[in-house]
Amino acid sequence: MRRSAAFLQVLWVLATISDLQSAAVSSSYCKPMGSGIYRPHSVTITEFGAVGDGVTLNTKAFQNAIFYLNSFADKGGAQLFVPAGRWLTGSFNLISHLTLSLDKDAVIIGSKDSSDWPVIDPLPSYGRGRELPGARHQSLIFGSNLTDVIITGGNGTIDGQGGIWWDWFKNHTLNYTRPHLVELINSTGVVISNLTLKNSPFWAIHPVYCSQVLVQNVTILAPLDSPNTDGIDPDSSNNVCIEDCYIRTGDDLIVIKSGWDEYGISFAHPSSNISIHRIVGETGSGAGIAFGSEMSGGISDVHAEDIRLFNSLHGIRIKTSPGRGGYVRNLYIADVVMTNVKIAIRITGQYGEHPDDNYDKDALPVISRITIKDVVGMNISTAGFLDGIQGDNFSSICLSNVNLNVTSNHPWKCSFIQGYSNLVSPEVCEPLRGVADEAALCYADNYLRPQQSAANRLVSPFLKLPSL
């Protein structure tokens, strides 16, 4: 039995690699953005006194280099090159028209001294720090109100040394919310590519109030038991492309957000037009693709395809609550393969977690036009927990061509939802068994290229393996 399971996982990995290699050359409407912008001015961090021994603190060197390069912002921009070495630093700010480029053997290392991570104001769409009232620590690499910013390299590494932050969090000794690894605020034309990000104190990549964002060919790593170490969190942002990433973390791999309760409702900055392609990964306590729970500004028009998940708690998840307001609508998630996932699809209408007691308990979220299709799952504990809110039915939840090998005797649990289904195994719960007028009521992505479903390509190997 163990040999069969191991063989299944080997075949799954081989199939995944093959799919990613063939998909990488296919067309994508994310292609107009990229990291290949020529910068006529370039300096190396060592020119500003940096020492790559992993011990010397280089915060001033990064700050001075970027201050110097700011004079070239209106002259075609500039590049800061980080050569091979281990470059210890505290938080530093980026500028517009800048490329931060890491050599393949370069490692930017976050300081373990919390005083090297400045304390800044909370985001207006949150009203407070996400974990604690009041302010929050600034990310290791930070930028605000920028244009044309690129963080890239030959798969160099940014290591947040998050272990000490995780201990402080678990021991309740933090005074402020933990920092992200990379955060860009209110910025346009952001590219993060060809990097490994590891051990983030909190969320790894957080574009918030941004537009025209590309995250491509990025590996994100954190221990599976590390708390709240989300991978990529587009937040109140639009025109975002995420593709060709491997993510292994303690929480959601990719999660779309848009503000928290009354603060998100008031700020009213939705996340929309987000494209996610070719993601592989596993998570200790989160989901592969998630929405919320902070979604009070609204989330819409998200298209996710070619997702491979294994050894995870959730596959696809929507999290919300009374008091959130806002909406999650027009989601299209297709070509998903899961193995060893406890709950394949989960919609939670009672997630809770409010910033304070001032939220409007009557502000109910609208969850509608959610299409999930071409999904294959092996060794799934539960097919789905789909729970809306009484008096606020989640509508047009559409499942199509979903084939899950489920170990539970009660594969689906549904309440306060409405929708449609076609070719779902095991048979879905009664509220989703309608098929009438499916084309009119279910969200469809009319812009996707015609292709054979990656999930369908893998159905035959999965169905044959249990007999080995």
Protein backbone atom coordinates (compact mmCIF):
# COMPACT_ATOMS: atom_id res chain seq x y z
CA MET A 1 0.00 0.00 0.00
CA ARG A 2 2.84 2.37 0.87
CA ARG A 3 4.61 1.51 -2.41
CA SER A 4 1.43 2.34 -4.35
CA ALA A 5 1.06 5.66 -2.59
CA ALA A 6 4.71 6.51 -3.20
CA PHE A 7 4.41 5.54 -6.86
CA LEU A 8 1.29 7.72 -7.14
CA GLN A 9 3.18 10.72 -5.80
CA VAL A 10 6.11 10.11 -8.19
CA LEU A 11 3.76 9.98 -11.16
CA TRP A 12 1.99 13.10 -9.89
CA VAL A 13 5.27 15.03 -9.70
CA LEU A 14 6.38 13.84 -13.14
CA ALA A 15 3.05 14.82 -14.65
CA THR A 16 3.21 18.21 -12.95
CA ILE A 17 6.71 18.93 -14.27
CA SER A 18 5.66 17.93 -17.77
CA ASP A 19 2.57 20.14 -17.63
CA LEU A 20 4.55 23.13 -16.38
CA GLN A 21 7.21 22.73 -19.08
CA SER A 22 4.64 22.59 -21.86
CA ALA A 23 2.56 25.40 -20.38
CA ALA A 24 5.55 27.70 -19.93
CA VAL A 25 5.84 28.22 -23.69
CA SER A 26 2.15 28.87 -24.21
CA SER A 27 0.72 32.30 -24.78
CA SER A 28 -0.48 34.39 -21.85
CA TYR A 29 -1.98 37.83 -21.62
CA CYS A 30 0.45 38.51 -18.77
CA LYS A 31 3.35 38.65 -21.24
CA PRO A 32 3.40 42.43 -21.88
CA MET A 33 4.87 42.87 -18.38
CA GLY A 34 8.35 41.57 -17.64
CA SER A 35 11.71 42.10 -15.96
CA GLY A 36 13.77 42.74 -19.09
CA ILE A 37 13.72 46.55 -18.94
CA TYR A 38 17.12 48.02 -19.71
CA ARG A 39 18.49 50.38 -17.05
CA PRO A 40 21.27 52.68 -18.34
CA HIS A 41 22.75 53.20 -14.86
CA SER A 42 23.92 50.38 -12.60
CA VAL A 43 25.83 50.09 -9.34
CA THR A 44 26.82 47.20 -7.10
CA ILE A 45 25.97 47.18 -3.40
CA THR A 46 29.68 46.72 -2.51
CA GLU A 47 30.39 50.20 -3.91
CA PHE A 48 28.55 51.54 -0.86
CA GLY A 49 30.51 49.57 1.71
CA ALA A 50 28.33 46.47 1.96
CA VAL A 51 29.98 43.29 3.21
CA GLY A 52 28.47 39.93 2.26
CA ASP A 53 29.65 37.90 5.23
CA GLY A 54 26.23 37.27 6.76
CA VAL A 55 27.28 39.14 9.91
CA THR A 56 27.84 42.79 8.96
CA LEU A 57 24.63 44.83 9.00
CA ASN A 58 24.25 46.48 5.56
CA THR A 59 21.09 48.55 6.03
CA LYS A 60 22.92 51.85 5.51
CA ALA A 61 24.64 50.52 2.40
CA PHE A 62 21.27 49.62 0.81
CA GLN A 63 19.75 52.93 1.83
CA ASN A 64 22.71 54.96 0.54
CA ALA A 65 22.86 53.08 -2.75
CA ILE A 66 19.18 53.64 -3.43
CA PHE A 67 19.43 57.31 -2.40
CA TYR A 68 22.24 57.71 -4.94
CA LEU A 69 20.29 55.92 -7.69
CA ASN A 70 17.29 58.17 -7.18
CA SER A 71 19.11 60.86 -9.17
CA PHE A 72 18.79 58.64 -12.26
CA ALA A 73 15.02 58.07 -11.96
CA ASP A 74 14.30 60.58 -14.74
CA LYS A 75 17.25 59.40 -16.85
CA GLY A 76 16.01 55.93 -17.78
CA GLY A 77 16.12 54.49 -14.30
CA ALA A 78 18.82 52.50 -12.54
CA GLN A 79 19.80 49.05 -11.29
CA LEU A 80 21.17 47.99 -7.91
CA PHE A 81 23.06 44.70 -8.27
CA VAL A 82 23.60 42.38 -5.32
CA PRO A 83 26.48 39.95 -6.04
CA ALA A 84 27.14 36.54 -4.52
CA GLY A 85 27.29 36.65 -0.74
CA ARG A 86 25.12 36.80 2.36
CA TRP A 87 23.92 40.37 2.84
CA LEU A 88 22.43 40.99 6.29
CA THR A 89 20.14 44.04 6.42
CA GLY A 90 17.22 45.70 8.08
CA SER A 91 14.27 47.14 6.19
CA PHE A 92 14.99 49.43 3.23
CA ASN A 93 12.82 51.39 0.78
CA LEU A 94 12.78 51.12 -2.99
CA ILE A 95 12.32 53.99 -5.48
CA SER A 96 10.61 54.36 -8.85
CA HIS A 97 12.31 53.21 -12.06
CA LEU A 98 14.56 50.83 -10.13
CA THR A 99 15.65 47.24 -10.70
CA LEU A 100 16.92 45.37 -7.63
CA SER A 101 18.82 42.45 -9.18
CA LEU A 102 20.26 39.50 -7.21
CA ASP A 103 23.01 37.19 -8.39
CA LYS A 104 22.08 33.51 -8.29
CA ASP A 105 24.31 33.07 -5.23
CA ALA A 106 23.19 36.26 -3.49
CA VAL A 107 21.16 36.02 -0.28
CA ILE A 108 19.57 39.12 1.27
CA ILE A 109 19.06 38.25 4.93
CA GLY A 110 16.64 40.01 7.27
CA SER A 111 18.01 41.13 10.62
CA LYS A 112 16.86 39.29 13.75
CA ASP A 113 16.76 42.59 15.63
CA SER A 114 13.18 43.93 15.53
CA SER A 115 14.50 47.51 15.80
CA ASP A 116 15.89 47.10 12.28
CA TRP A 117 12.31 46.77 11.02
CA PRO A 118 10.71 50.24 11.50
CA VAL A 119 7.19 50.62 12.87
CA ILE A 120 4.76 52.23 10.42
CA ASP A 121 1.07 53.21 10.33
CA PRO A 122 -1.59 50.57 9.74
CA LEU A 123 -3.19 50.28 6.32
CA PRO A 124 -6.35 52.42 6.03
CA SER A 125 -8.34 49.47 4.66
CA TYR A 126 -7.53 47.52 7.84
CA GLY A 127 -7.75 50.28 10.44
CA ARG A 128 -5.12 48.59 12.61
CA GLY A 129 -2.39 46.01 12.37
CA ARG A 130 -3.67 42.68 11.14
CA GLU A 131 -2.57 40.84 14.27
CA LEU A 132 -2.52 43.55 16.94
CA PRO A 133 -4.21 46.94 17.38
CA GLY A 134 -2.15 49.93 16.32
CA ALA A 135 0.88 50.09 14.06
CA ARG A 136 2.87 47.37 12.31
CA HIS A 137 6.43 46.58 11.35
CA GLN A 138 7.58 47.61 7.87
CA SER A 139 8.49 44.87 5.42
CA LEU A 140 12.11 43.99 4.70
CA ILE A 141 11.85 45.34 1.14
CA PHE A 142 9.32 48.15 1.01
CA GLY A 143 7.99 50.79 -1.36
CA SER A 144 5.12 53.27 -1.51
CA ASN A 145 3.70 55.41 -4.34
CA LEU A 146 6.16 54.00 -6.87
CA THR A 147 6.15 53.42 -10.62
CA ASP A 148 8.15 50.84 -12.57
CA VAL A 149 9.79 48.71 -9.86
CA ILE A 150 11.47 45.38 -10.56
CA ILE A 151 12.83 42.87 -8.04
CA THR A 152 14.52 40.03 -9.93
CA GLY A 153 17.69 38.03 -10.45
CA GLY A 154 19.16 34.68 -11.36
CA ASN A 155 17.10 32.95 -8.67
CA GLY A 156 18.85 34.75 -5.84
CA THR A 157 17.32 34.47 -2.37
CA ILE A 158 15.61 36.78 0.11
CA ASP A 159 15.56 35.18 3.56
CA GLY A 160 13.50 36.87 6.27
CA GLN A 161 14.85 34.68 9.09
CA GLY A 162 11.27 34.50 10.30
CA GLY A 163 11.82 31.90 13.02
CA ILE A 164 12.34 34.47 15.74
CA TRP A 165 9.17 36.33 14.69
CA TRP A 166 7.16 33.10 14.74
CA ASP A 167 8.37 32.45 18.30
CA TRP A 168 7.44 35.98 19.40
CA PHE A 169 4.01 35.52 17.84
CA LYS A 170 3.41 32.15 19.50
CA ASN A 171 4.61 33.50 22.86
CA HIS A 172 2.43 36.63 22.59
CA THR A 173 5.41 38.94 23.10
CA LEU A 174 4.95 41.13 20.02
CA ASN A 175 4.02 44.78 20.38
CA TYR A 176 3.13 45.26 16.71
CA THR A 177 1.96 43.16 13.77
CA ARG A 178 4.75 41.17 12.14
CA PRO A 179 6.37 42.45 8.91
CA HIS A 180 6.02 41.06 5.41
CA LEU A 181 9.04 40.11 3.35
CA VAL A 182 8.14 42.32 0.34
CA GLU A 183 5.38 44.95 0.41
CA LEU A 184 4.57 47.55 -2.25
CA ILE A 185 1.83 50.09 -1.51
CA ASN A 186 -0.08 52.20 -4.03
CA SER A 187 2.38 51.38 -6.79
CA THR A 188 2.09 50.72 -10.52
CA GLY A 189 4.20 48.55 -12.81
CA VAL A 190 5.61 46.09 -10.27
CA VAL A 191 7.53 42.96 -11.31
CA ILE A 192 8.83 40.31 -8.89
CA SER A 193 10.48 37.44 -10.73
CA ASN A 194 13.16 34.74 -10.75
CA LEU A 195 13.71 34.69 -6.99
CA THR A 196 13.44 32.45 -3.97
CA LEU A 197 11.79 34.00 -0.92
CA LYS A 198 12.03 32.07 2.32
CA ASN A 199 11.14 32.30 6.00
CA SER A 200 9.04 35.44 5.83
CA PRO A 201 8.03 36.73 9.29
CA PHE A 202 4.43 37.13 8.02
CA TRP A 203 3.05 37.18 4.45
CA ALA A 204 5.82 36.89 1.86
CA ILE A 205 4.64 39.13 -1.03
CA HIS A 206 1.99 41.79 -0.37
CA PRO A 207 1.06 44.20 -3.18
CA VAL A 208 -1.60 46.48 -1.70
CA TYR A 209 -3.47 49.26 -3.55
CA CYS A 210 -1.31 48.36 -6.58
CA SER A 211 -1.97 47.89 -10.29
CA GLN A 212 -0.11 46.19 -13.13
CA VAL A 213 1.67 43.63 -10.95
CA LEU A 214 3.50 40.55 -12.23
CA VAL A 215 4.82 37.81 -9.93
CA GLN A 216 6.54 35.20 -12.08
CA ASN A 217 8.96 32.28 -11.61
CA VAL A 218 9.10 32.73 -7.85
CA THR A 219 9.71 30.07 -5.21
CA ILE A 220 8.34 30.80 -1.72
CA LEU A 221 9.33 28.57 1.19
CA ALA A 222 8.48 28.45 4.90
CA PRO A 223 7.99 25.55 7.31
CA LEU A 224 4.54 23.99 7.11
CA ASP A 225 3.94 24.81 10.79
CA SER A 226 4.99 28.47 10.54
CA PRO A 227 2.10 30.79 11.49
CA ASN A 228 0.33 32.94 8.87
CA THR A 229 3.14 32.72 6.34
CA ASP A 230 0.97 33.30 3.27
CA GLY A 231 2.77 33.19 -0.05
CA ILE A 232 1.33 35.89 -2.34
CA ASP A 233 -1.45 38.24 -1.15
CA PRO A 234 -2.76 40.72 -3.75
CA ASP A 235 -4.75 43.15 -1.62
CA SER A 236 -7.09 45.85 -2.98
CA SER A 237 -5.11 45.55 -6.22
CA ASN A 238 -6.02 45.15 -9.88
CA ASN A 239 -4.46 43.87 -13.08
CA VAL A 240 -2.33 41.28 -11.30
CA CYS A 241 -0.64 38.28 -12.93
CA ILE A 242 0.81 35.41 -10.90
CA GLU A 243 2.34 32.54 -12.83
CA ASP A 244 4.87 29.71 -12.77
CA CYS A 245 5.44 29.66 -8.99
CA TYR A 246 6.24 26.95 -6.45
CA ILE A 247 4.99 27.76 -2.94
CA ARG A 248 5.38 25.70 0.24
CA THR A 249 4.27 27.58 3.37
CA GLY A 250 2.37 27.38 6.63
CA ASP A 251 -0.74 29.19 5.34
CA ASP A 252 -2.52 30.12 2.10
CA LEU A 253 -0.33 29.84 -0.99
CA ILE A 254 -2.16 32.59 -2.89
CA VAL A 255 -4.94 34.60 -1.25
CA ILE A 256 -6.84 37.59 -2.63
CA LYS A 257 -7.86 40.29 -0.12
CA SER A 258 -9.45 43.76 -0.12
CA GLY A 259 -9.76 45.25 3.35
CA TRP A 260 -11.28 44.40 6.70
CA ASP A 261 -14.87 45.08 7.79
CA GLU A 262 -15.88 48.76 8.17
CA TYR A 263 -12.40 49.94 7.14
CA GLY A 264 -12.43 47.99 3.90
CA ILE A 265 -16.00 49.05 3.16
CA SER A 266 -15.11 52.70 3.69
CA PHE A 267 -11.84 52.52 1.73
CA ALA A 268 -13.75 50.83 -1.12
CA HIS A 269 -10.78 49.64 -3.16
CA PRO A 270 -11.59 46.23 -4.71
CA SER A 271 -9.27 43.54 -6.02
CA SER A 272 -10.10 42.72 -9.63
CA ASN A 273 -8.77 41.38 -12.91
CA ILE A 274 -6.35 38.88 -11.39
CA SER A 275 -4.83 36.05 -13.43
CA ILE A 276 -3.21 33.01 -11.77
CA HIS A 277 -1.55 30.29 -13.85
CA ARG A 278 0.66 27.26 -13.26
CA ILE A 279 1.05 27.12 -9.49
CA VAL A 280 2.45 24.12 -7.60
CA GLY A 281 2.62 23.79 -3.85
CA GLU A 282 1.56 22.60 -0.42
CA THR A 283 0.40 24.30 2.77
CA GLY A 284 0.28 23.27 6.40
CA SER A 285 -2.93 24.95 7.54
CA GLY A 286 -4.15 27.06 4.60
CA ALA A 287 -5.46 26.66 1.07
CA GLY A 288 -3.92 26.54 -2.37
CA ILE A 289 -6.10 29.36 -3.69
CA ALA A 290 -8.08 31.47 -1.19
CA PHE A 291 -10.26 34.57 -1.10
CA GLY A 292 -10.61 36.64 2.08
CA SER A 293 -11.26 36.60 4.81
CA GLU A 294 -10.58 40.34 4.46
CA MET A 295 -12.69 41.06 1.36
CA SER A 296 -14.80 44.06 2.41
CA GLY A 297 -13.73 46.19 -0.54
CA GLY A 298 -14.82 43.49 -2.98
CA ILE A 299 -13.11 40.81 -5.09
CA SER A 300 -14.07 40.08 -8.69
CA ASP A 301 -12.88 38.75 -12.04
CA VAL A 302 -10.25 36.28 -10.89
CA HIS A 303 -9.11 33.57 -13.28
CA ALA A 304 -6.99 30.70 -11.92
CA GLU A 305 -5.82 27.74 -14.01
CA ASP A 306 -3.30 24.90 -13.89
CA ILE A 307 -3.05 24.52 -10.11
CA ARG A 308 -1.29 21.51 -8.52
CA LEU A 309 -1.75 21.01 -4.77
CA PHE A 310 -0.58 18.23 -2.48
CA ASN A 311 -0.35 17.41 1.24
CA SER A 312 -2.54 20.37 2.20
CA LEU A 313 -5.46 21.22 4.45
CA HIS A 314 -7.64 23.00 1.85
CA GLY A 315 -7.62 23.16 -1.92
CA ILE A 316 -9.88 26.08 -2.85
CA ARG A 317 -11.34 28.32 -0.15
CA ILE A 318 -13.55 31.41 0.27
CA LYS A 319 -13.59 32.98 3.75
CA THR A 320 -16.04 35.64 4.87
CA SER A 321 -18.39 36.59 7.69
CA PRO A 322 -21.33 38.80 8.68
CA GLY A 323 -19.87 42.26 9.12
CA ARG A 324 -17.56 41.98 6.15
CA GLY A 325 -19.87 43.49 3.54
CA GLY A 326 -18.24 43.59 0.13
CA TYR A 327 -18.48 40.81 -2.43
CA VAL A 328 -16.67 37.88 -4.02
CA ARG A 329 -17.97 37.28 -7.52
CA ASN A 330 -16.92 36.23 -11.00
CA LEU A 331 -14.33 33.64 -10.03
CA TYR A 332 -13.21 31.08 -12.59
CA ILE A 333 -10.99 28.29 -11.25
CA ALA A 334 -10.11 25.44 -13.60
CA ASP A 335 -7.62 22.64 -14.23
CA VAL A 336 -6.87 21.82 -10.61
CA VAL A 337 -5.18 18.62 -9.47
CA MET A 338 -5.05 17.76 -5.76
CA THR A 339 -3.56 14.85 -3.89
CA ASN A 340 -3.61 14.25 -0.12
CA VAL A 341 -5.82 17.27 0.55
CA LYS A 342 -8.19 17.17 3.52
CA ILE A 343 -10.94 19.45 2.19
CA ALA A 344 -11.02 20.04 -1.56
CA ILE A 345 -13.44 23.01 -1.68
CA ARG A 346 -14.48 25.10 1.30
CA ILE A 347 -16.71 28.17 1.52
CA THR A 348 -16.96 29.58 5.04
CA GLY A 349 -19.61 32.18 5.85
CA GLN A 350 -18.82 32.41 9.57
CA TYR A 351 -15.06 32.99 9.58
CA GLY A 352 -15.23 35.73 12.24
CA GLU A 353 -12.13 37.73 13.19
CA HIS A 354 -13.10 41.40 13.35
CA PRO A 355 -10.73 44.37 13.82
CA ASP A 356 -12.84 45.84 16.64
CA ASP A 357 -16.44 46.05 17.86
CA ASN A 358 -17.42 48.89 15.52
CA TYR A 359 -18.25 46.77 12.49
CA ASP A 360 -21.78 46.66 11.12
CA LYS A 361 -23.21 43.26 11.99
CA ASP A 362 -25.79 43.71 9.22
CA ALA A 363 -23.14 44.23 6.51
CA LEU A 364 -23.52 40.89 4.73
CA PRO A 365 -21.15 39.81 1.96
CA VAL A 366 -22.36 38.91 -1.54
CA ILE A 367 -20.84 35.65 -2.79
CA SER A 368 -21.97 34.87 -6.33
CA ARG A 369 -20.97 33.45 -9.73
CA ILE A 370 -18.21 31.12 -8.59
CA THR A 371 -17.20 28.56 -11.23
CA ILE A 372 -14.95 25.63 -10.34
CA LYS A 373 -14.36 23.12 -13.12
CA ASP A 374 -12.03 20.39 -14.35
CA VAL A 375 -10.84 19.29 -10.91
CA VAL A 376 -9.23 15.95 -10.12
CA GLY A 377 -8.43 14.82 -6.57
CA MET A 378 -6.85 11.69 -5.09
CA ASN A 379 -6.95 10.81 -1.39
CA ILE A 380 -9.29 13.66 -0.49
CA SER A 381 -10.79 13.45 2.99
CA THR A 382 -13.85 15.63 2.32
CA ALA A 383 -15.07 16.91 -1.03
CA GLY A 384 -16.56 20.15 0.25
CA PHE A 385 -17.87 22.21 3.14
CA LEU A 386 -20.02 24.89 1.48
CA ASP A 387 -21.62 27.06 4.14
CA GLY A 388 -23.28 30.39 3.39
CA ILE A 389 -25.00 32.73 5.83
CA GLN A 390 -28.62 32.39 6.90
CA GLY A 391 -30.61 35.09 5.12
CA ASP A 392 -27.70 35.66 2.73
CA ASN A 393 -27.56 32.63 0.45
CA PHE A 394 -24.39 32.37 -1.60
CA SER A 395 -25.62 31.99 -5.18
CA SER A 396 -24.52 30.66 -8.57
CA ILE A 397 -21.93 28.32 -7.10
CA CYS A 398 -21.18 26.19 -10.16
CA LEU A 399 -19.20 22.94 -10.21
CA SER A 400 -18.39 21.16 -13.47
CA ASN A 401 -16.30 18.07 -14.23
CA VAL A 402 -15.14 17.61 -10.64
CA ASN A 403 -13.85 14.09 -9.90
CA LEU A 404 -12.68 13.51 -6.32
CA ASN A 405 -11.54 10.25 -4.75
CA VAL A 406 -12.95 10.83 -1.27
CA THR A 407 -12.35 8.80 1.89
CA SER A 408 -15.22 10.30 3.96
CA ASN A 409 -18.66 8.69 4.07
CA HIS A 410 -20.16 12.18 4.05
CA PRO A 411 -18.30 13.91 1.19
CA TRP A 412 -20.33 17.14 1.03
CA LYS A 413 -21.84 19.45 3.63
CA CYS A 414 -23.87 22.40 2.32
CA SER A 415 -26.00 25.14 3.86
CA PHE A 416 -27.43 28.43 2.62
CA ILE A 417 -26.05 28.12 -0.90
CA GLN A 418 -27.56 27.88 -4.37
CA GLY A 419 -26.00 26.76 -7.59
CA TYR A 420 -25.51 24.24 -10.37
CA SER A 421 -23.42 21.20 -11.14
CA ASN A 422 -22.50 18.91 -13.98
CA LEU A 423 -20.40 15.73 -13.88
CA VAL A 424 -19.48 15.92 -10.19
CA SER A 425 -18.30 12.81 -8.31
CA PRO A 426 -19.13 12.02 -5.58
CA GLU A 427 -22.60 13.42 -6.12
CA VAL A 428 -22.83 16.93 -4.79
CA CYS A 429 -25.34 18.11 -2.21
CA GLU A 430 -28.94 18.89 -3.20
CA PRO A 431 -28.67 22.73 -3.45
CA LEU A 432 -26.13 22.37 -6.27
CA ARG A 433 -27.83 19.69 -8.33
CA GLY A 434 -29.69 22.06 -10.65
CA VAL A 435 -28.49 22.38 -14.25
CA ALA A 436 -31.19 24.55 -15.81
CA ASP A 437 -29.89 27.67 -17.56
CA GLU A 438 -26.37 26.96 -16.35
CA ALA A 439 -24.76 28.90 -19.19
CA ALA A 440 -26.59 32.08 -18.23
CA LEU A 441 -26.04 31.91 -14.47
CA CYS A 442 -22.54 30.42 -14.10
CA TYR A 443 -19.48 32.60 -14.60
CA ALA A 444 -17.46 31.64 -17.68
CA ASP A 445 -14.08 32.91 -18.79
CA ASN A 446 -14.50 33.83 -22.44
CA TYR A 447 -10.91 34.98 -22.80
CA LEU A 448 -9.10 31.73 -22.10
CA ARG A 449 -7.30 30.03 -24.97
CA PRO A 450 -8.87 26.73 -26.11
CA GLN A 451 -6.87 23.84 -24.68
CA GLN A 452 -7.17 20.33 -23.38
CA SER A 453 -7.76 20.41 -19.66
CA ALA A 454 -4.63 19.60 -17.67
CA ALA A 455 -6.85 17.88 -15.14
CA ASN A 456 -8.35 15.70 -17.88
CA ARG A 457 -4.86 14.73 -19.05
CA LEU A 458 -4.17 13.37 -15.59
CA VAL A 459 -7.47 11.54 -15.00
CA SER A 460 -6.35 8.23 -16.52
CA PRO A 461 -3.13 7.82 -14.49
CA PHE A 462 -4.97 8.68 -11.28
CA LEU A 463 -7.80 6.24 -11.88
CA LYS A 464 -5.45 3.36 -12.74
CA LEU A 465 -3.02 3.75 -9.85
CA PRO A 466 -5.18 2.37 -7.00
CA SER A 467 -5.16 -1.06 -8.65
CA LEU A 468 -1.34 -1.30 -8.59
